[in-house]
Protein backbone atom coordinates (compact mmCIF):
# COMPACT_ATOMS: atom_id res chain seq x y z
CA UNK A 1 25.13 -2.17 22.50
CA UNK A 2 24.98 -4.50 19.54
CA UNK A 3 27.55 -6.92 20.98
CA UNK A 4 25.26 -7.75 23.91
CA UNK A 5 22.12 -8.39 21.92
CA UNK A 6 24.00 -10.39 19.27
CA UNK A 7 25.45 -12.67 21.90
CA UNK A 8 22.20 -13.23 23.79
CA UNK A 9 19.75 -13.54 20.94
CA UNK A 10 22.23 -15.29 18.69
CA UNK A 11 22.79 -18.27 20.96
CA UNK A 12 19.12 -19.17 20.85
CA UNK A 13 18.67 -18.26 17.18
CA UNK A 14 21.55 -20.44 16.02
CA UNK A 15 20.13 -23.38 17.93
CA UNK A 16 16.81 -23.01 16.12
CA UNK A 17 18.45 -22.67 12.71
CA UNK A 18 20.70 -25.69 13.16
CA UNK A 19 17.77 -27.85 14.23
CA UNK A 20 15.65 -26.69 11.32
CA UNK A 21 18.40 -27.32 8.79
CA UNK A 22 18.67 -30.90 10.03
CA UNK A 23 15.07 -31.45 8.94
CA UNK A 24 12.24 -33.21 10.70
CA UNK A 25 10.79 -30.17 12.43
CA UNK A 26 7.03 -29.83 12.26
CA UNK A 27 5.27 -26.48 12.02
CA UNK A 28 4.02 -26.94 15.58
CA UNK A 29 7.53 -27.64 16.88
CA UNK A 30 8.86 -24.66 14.99
CA UNK A 31 6.23 -22.33 16.44
CA UNK A 32 6.92 -23.63 19.93
CA UNK A 33 10.63 -22.95 19.52
CA UNK A 34 10.01 -19.39 18.33
CA UNK A 35 7.74 -18.75 21.32
CA UNK A 36 10.35 -20.22 23.67
CA UNK A 37 13.01 -17.92 22.26
CA UNK A 38 10.75 -14.95 22.83
CA UNK A 39 10.32 -16.01 26.43
CA UNK A 40 14.10 -16.31 26.85
CA UNK A 41 14.59 -12.81 25.44
CA UNK A 42 11.84 -11.46 27.71
CA UNK A 43 13.50 -12.97 30.78
CA UNK A 44 16.87 -11.50 29.82
CA UNK A 45 15.52 -8.02 29.16
CA UNK A 46 13.51 -8.07 32.35
CA UNK A 47 16.25 -9.28 34.66
CA UNK A 48 19.72 -8.55 33.30
CA UNK A 49 21.90 -5.66 34.42
CA UNK A 50 22.86 -5.28 30.74
CA UNK A 51 19.26 -4.80 29.66
CA UNK A 52 18.05 -1.44 28.29
CA UNK A 53 15.42 -1.69 31.01
CA UNK A 54 18.02 -1.87 33.80
CA UNK A 55 17.59 1.88 34.33
CA UNK A 56 14.72 2.84 36.61
CA UNK A 57 13.80 5.56 34.11
CA UNK A 58 12.75 2.96 31.52
CA UNK A 59 10.25 0.51 33.05
CA UNK A 60 9.91 -2.91 31.45
CA UNK A 61 6.83 -3.50 29.33
CA UNK A 62 5.86 -6.60 27.42
CA UNK A 63 7.25 -6.96 23.91
CA UNK A 64 4.93 -7.15 20.90
CA UNK A 65 5.23 -9.76 18.14
CA UNK A 66 3.54 -10.95 14.99
CA UNK A 67 2.36 -14.54 14.96
CA UNK A 68 5.10 -16.94 13.75
CA UNK A 69 4.82 -17.76 10.05
CA UNK A 70 7.12 -20.46 8.62
CA UNK A 71 6.67 -18.95 5.13
CA UNK A 72 9.13 -16.25 6.20
CA UNK A 73 11.97 -18.72 6.56
CA UNK A 74 13.92 -18.48 3.32
CA UNK A 75 17.00 -20.12 1.91
CA UNK A 76 18.99 -17.33 0.30
CA UNK A 77 21.70 -17.67 -2.30
CA UNK A 78 24.92 -16.31 -0.82
CA UNK A 79 27.25 -14.25 -2.96
CA UNK A 80 30.34 -13.52 -0.92
CA UNK A 81 32.22 -10.24 -1.14
CA UNK A 82 35.83 -11.19 -1.64
CA UNK A 83 37.53 -7.94 -0.65
CA UNK A 84 35.84 -7.79 2.82
CA UNK A 85 35.80 -4.00 2.79
CA UNK A 86 34.67 -2.22 5.91
CA UNK A 87 31.27 -0.56 5.97
CA UNK A 88 30.56 2.28 8.36
CA UNK A 89 26.91 2.51 9.36
CA UNK A 90 25.34 5.61 10.89
CA UNK A 91 23.68 5.03 14.25
CA UNK A 92 20.54 6.29 15.92
CA UNK A 93 22.47 8.88 17.97
CA UNK A 94 24.60 10.26 15.15
CA UNK A 95 27.66 8.10 15.76
CA UNK A 96 29.13 5.40 13.52
CA UNK A 97 29.73 1.66 13.80
CA UNK A 98 32.02 -0.50 11.66
CA UNK A 99 31.17 -3.82 10.03
CA UNK A 100 32.77 -6.10 7.47
CA UNK A 101 30.86 -6.53 4.19
CA UNK A 102 30.46 -10.32 4.17
CA UNK A 103 28.19 -10.95 1.18
CA UNK A 104 24.81 -10.55 -0.45
CA UNK A 105 21.81 -12.77 0.25
CA UNK A 106 19.47 -13.21 -2.75
CA UNK A 107 16.02 -14.67 -2.09
CA UNK A 108 12.33 -14.42 -3.00
CA UNK A 109 9.44 -13.15 -0.91
CA UNK A 110 5.99 -12.14 -2.11
CA UNK A 111 6.95 -13.54 -5.52
CA UNK A 112 9.62 -10.86 -5.82
CA UNK A 113 13.38 -11.11 -5.93
CA UNK A 114 15.06 -9.49 -2.93
CA UNK A 115 18.69 -8.79 -2.04
CA UNK A 116 20.18 -7.83 1.32
CA UNK A 117 23.70 -7.07 2.45
CA UNK A 118 24.97 -9.45 5.12
CA UNK A 119 27.51 -8.06 7.57
CA UNK A 120 30.09 -9.49 9.91
CA UNK A 121 30.67 -7.64 13.19
CA UNK A 122 34.05 -5.91 13.17
CA UNK A 123 34.71 -7.29 16.65
CA UNK A 124 33.50 -10.86 16.27
CA UNK A 125 31.55 -12.58 19.02
CA UNK A 126 31.50 -16.19 20.15
CA UNK A 127 29.93 -18.17 18.67
CA UNK A 128 30.69 -16.34 15.40
CA UNK A 129 27.65 -15.12 13.53
CA UNK A 130 26.57 -12.76 10.79
CA UNK A 131 24.29 -9.77 11.13
CA UNK A 132 21.58 -8.10 9.06
CA UNK A 133 19.93 -4.78 9.83
CA UNK A 134 16.93 -4.08 7.60
CA UNK A 135 13.85 -1.96 7.14
CA UNK A 136 10.69 -2.87 5.23
CA UNK A 137 7.23 -1.53 4.42
CA UNK A 138 6.12 -2.00 8.04
CA UNK A 139 8.94 0.20 9.43
CA UNK A 140 7.70 3.32 11.14
CA UNK A 141 4.17 1.96 11.34
CA UNK A 142 3.77 -1.53 12.77
CA UNK A 143 7.49 -1.99 13.44
CA UNK A 144 10.32 0.19 14.73
CA UNK A 145 11.13 3.05 12.36
CA UNK A 146 14.88 2.56 12.69
CA UNK A 147 14.68 -0.97 11.32
CA UNK A 148 15.07 -4.40 12.87
CA UNK A 149 17.94 -6.84 13.29
CA UNK A 150 18.44 -10.43 12.26
CA UNK A 151 21.22 -12.78 13.35
CA UNK A 152 22.38 -15.30 10.75
CA UNK A 153 24.36 -18.46 11.30
CA UNK A 154 27.92 -18.28 9.99
CA UNK A 155 28.46 -20.80 7.13
CA UNK A 156 30.11 -23.92 8.49
CA UNK A 157 31.68 -24.96 5.18
CA UNK A 158 34.16 -23.17 2.99
CA UNK A 159 32.44 -22.27 -0.25
CA UNK A 160 28.91 -22.64 1.15
CA UNK A 161 26.57 -20.80 -1.21
CA UNK A 162 23.41 -20.48 0.85
CA UNK A 163 22.18 -18.88 4.05
CA UNK A 164 19.00 -19.43 5.98
CA UNK A 165 17.17 -16.21 6.85
CA UNK A 166 14.31 -16.54 9.31
CA UNK A 167 12.46 -13.26 9.61
CA UNK A 168 10.39 -14.65 12.48
CA UNK A 169 13.56 -14.02 14.51
CA UNK A 170 13.71 -10.31 13.59
CA UNK A 171 14.12 -8.22 16.74
CA UNK A 172 14.27 -4.59 17.76
CA UNK A 173 17.53 -2.77 18.54
CA UNK A 174 17.92 -1.57 22.11
CA UNK A 175 17.27 2.05 21.13
CA UNK A 176 13.66 1.04 20.37
CA UNK A 177 13.27 0.62 24.14
CA UNK A 178 15.75 3.16 25.47
CA UNK A 179 16.95 6.14 23.37
CA UNK A 180 20.23 6.38 25.31
CA UNK A 181 21.53 3.36 23.35
CA UNK A 182 23.35 3.71 20.04
CA UNK A 183 22.03 1.43 17.28
CA UNK A 184 23.26 1.02 13.68
CA UNK A 185 20.74 1.89 10.98
CA UNK A 186 20.08 -0.25 7.87
CA UNK A 187 22.27 0.31 4.81
CA UNK A 188 20.49 1.43 1.64
CA UNK A 189 20.66 -2.11 0.19
CA UNK A 190 18.56 -3.42 3.09
CA UNK A 191 15.58 -1.10 2.81
CA UNK A 192 12.93 -3.43 1.31
CA UNK A 193 9.79 -2.28 -0.48
CA UNK A 194 7.76 -5.25 0.72
CA UNK A 195 6.30 -5.76 4.22
CA UNK A 196 7.87 -8.34 6.53
CA UNK A 197 4.92 -8.98 8.90
CA UNK A 198 6.74 -11.37 11.24
CA UNK A 199 9.15 -10.96 14.14
CA UNK A 200 9.02 -8.15 16.68
CA UNK A 201 6.60 -5.23 16.38
CA UNK A 202 6.85 -1.69 17.71
CA UNK A 203 7.55 -1.36 21.42
CA UNK A 204 4.67 0.31 23.24
């Protein structure tokens, strides 16, 4: 499941991140780009044979989002994990999925220091990207109880010590729409005490 959503959402997400890192993007342009990505995701989920809504038993309904907030774009300090050990995450249906422990992202939100584990898919996609699954204080209430996902651009330079995390791009796993899909759950390191009130909300 995760391979599909990483490939589809990641292509658009990486384009937004690269543009933003180049500078010169106004808040209005940024908001427009976020809204355009949401429309692209909507069109894919509504029309693709690989969508969790492709089954007649799960009718498509509109997705719910918070309003975009540029304050939830953060530049995190990247601390790489040199041994690249595998991490096995439990999934929503009791199975397991393997990832490579890529590094830790340290950042501040709500005037608090935060740390999340950044993962690399065991079977890498093209273009290559990193992956974060996280839960926060909104999980199980305003957002999906099993956590949300975030795609992160792979560092382009050897020794790069920062990552851009944009929580406005946080999205639901497919099992939030269709329980027949298997979705990895957040590791303990990525269960945040603070709310992240941006990105995708609960699916109705």
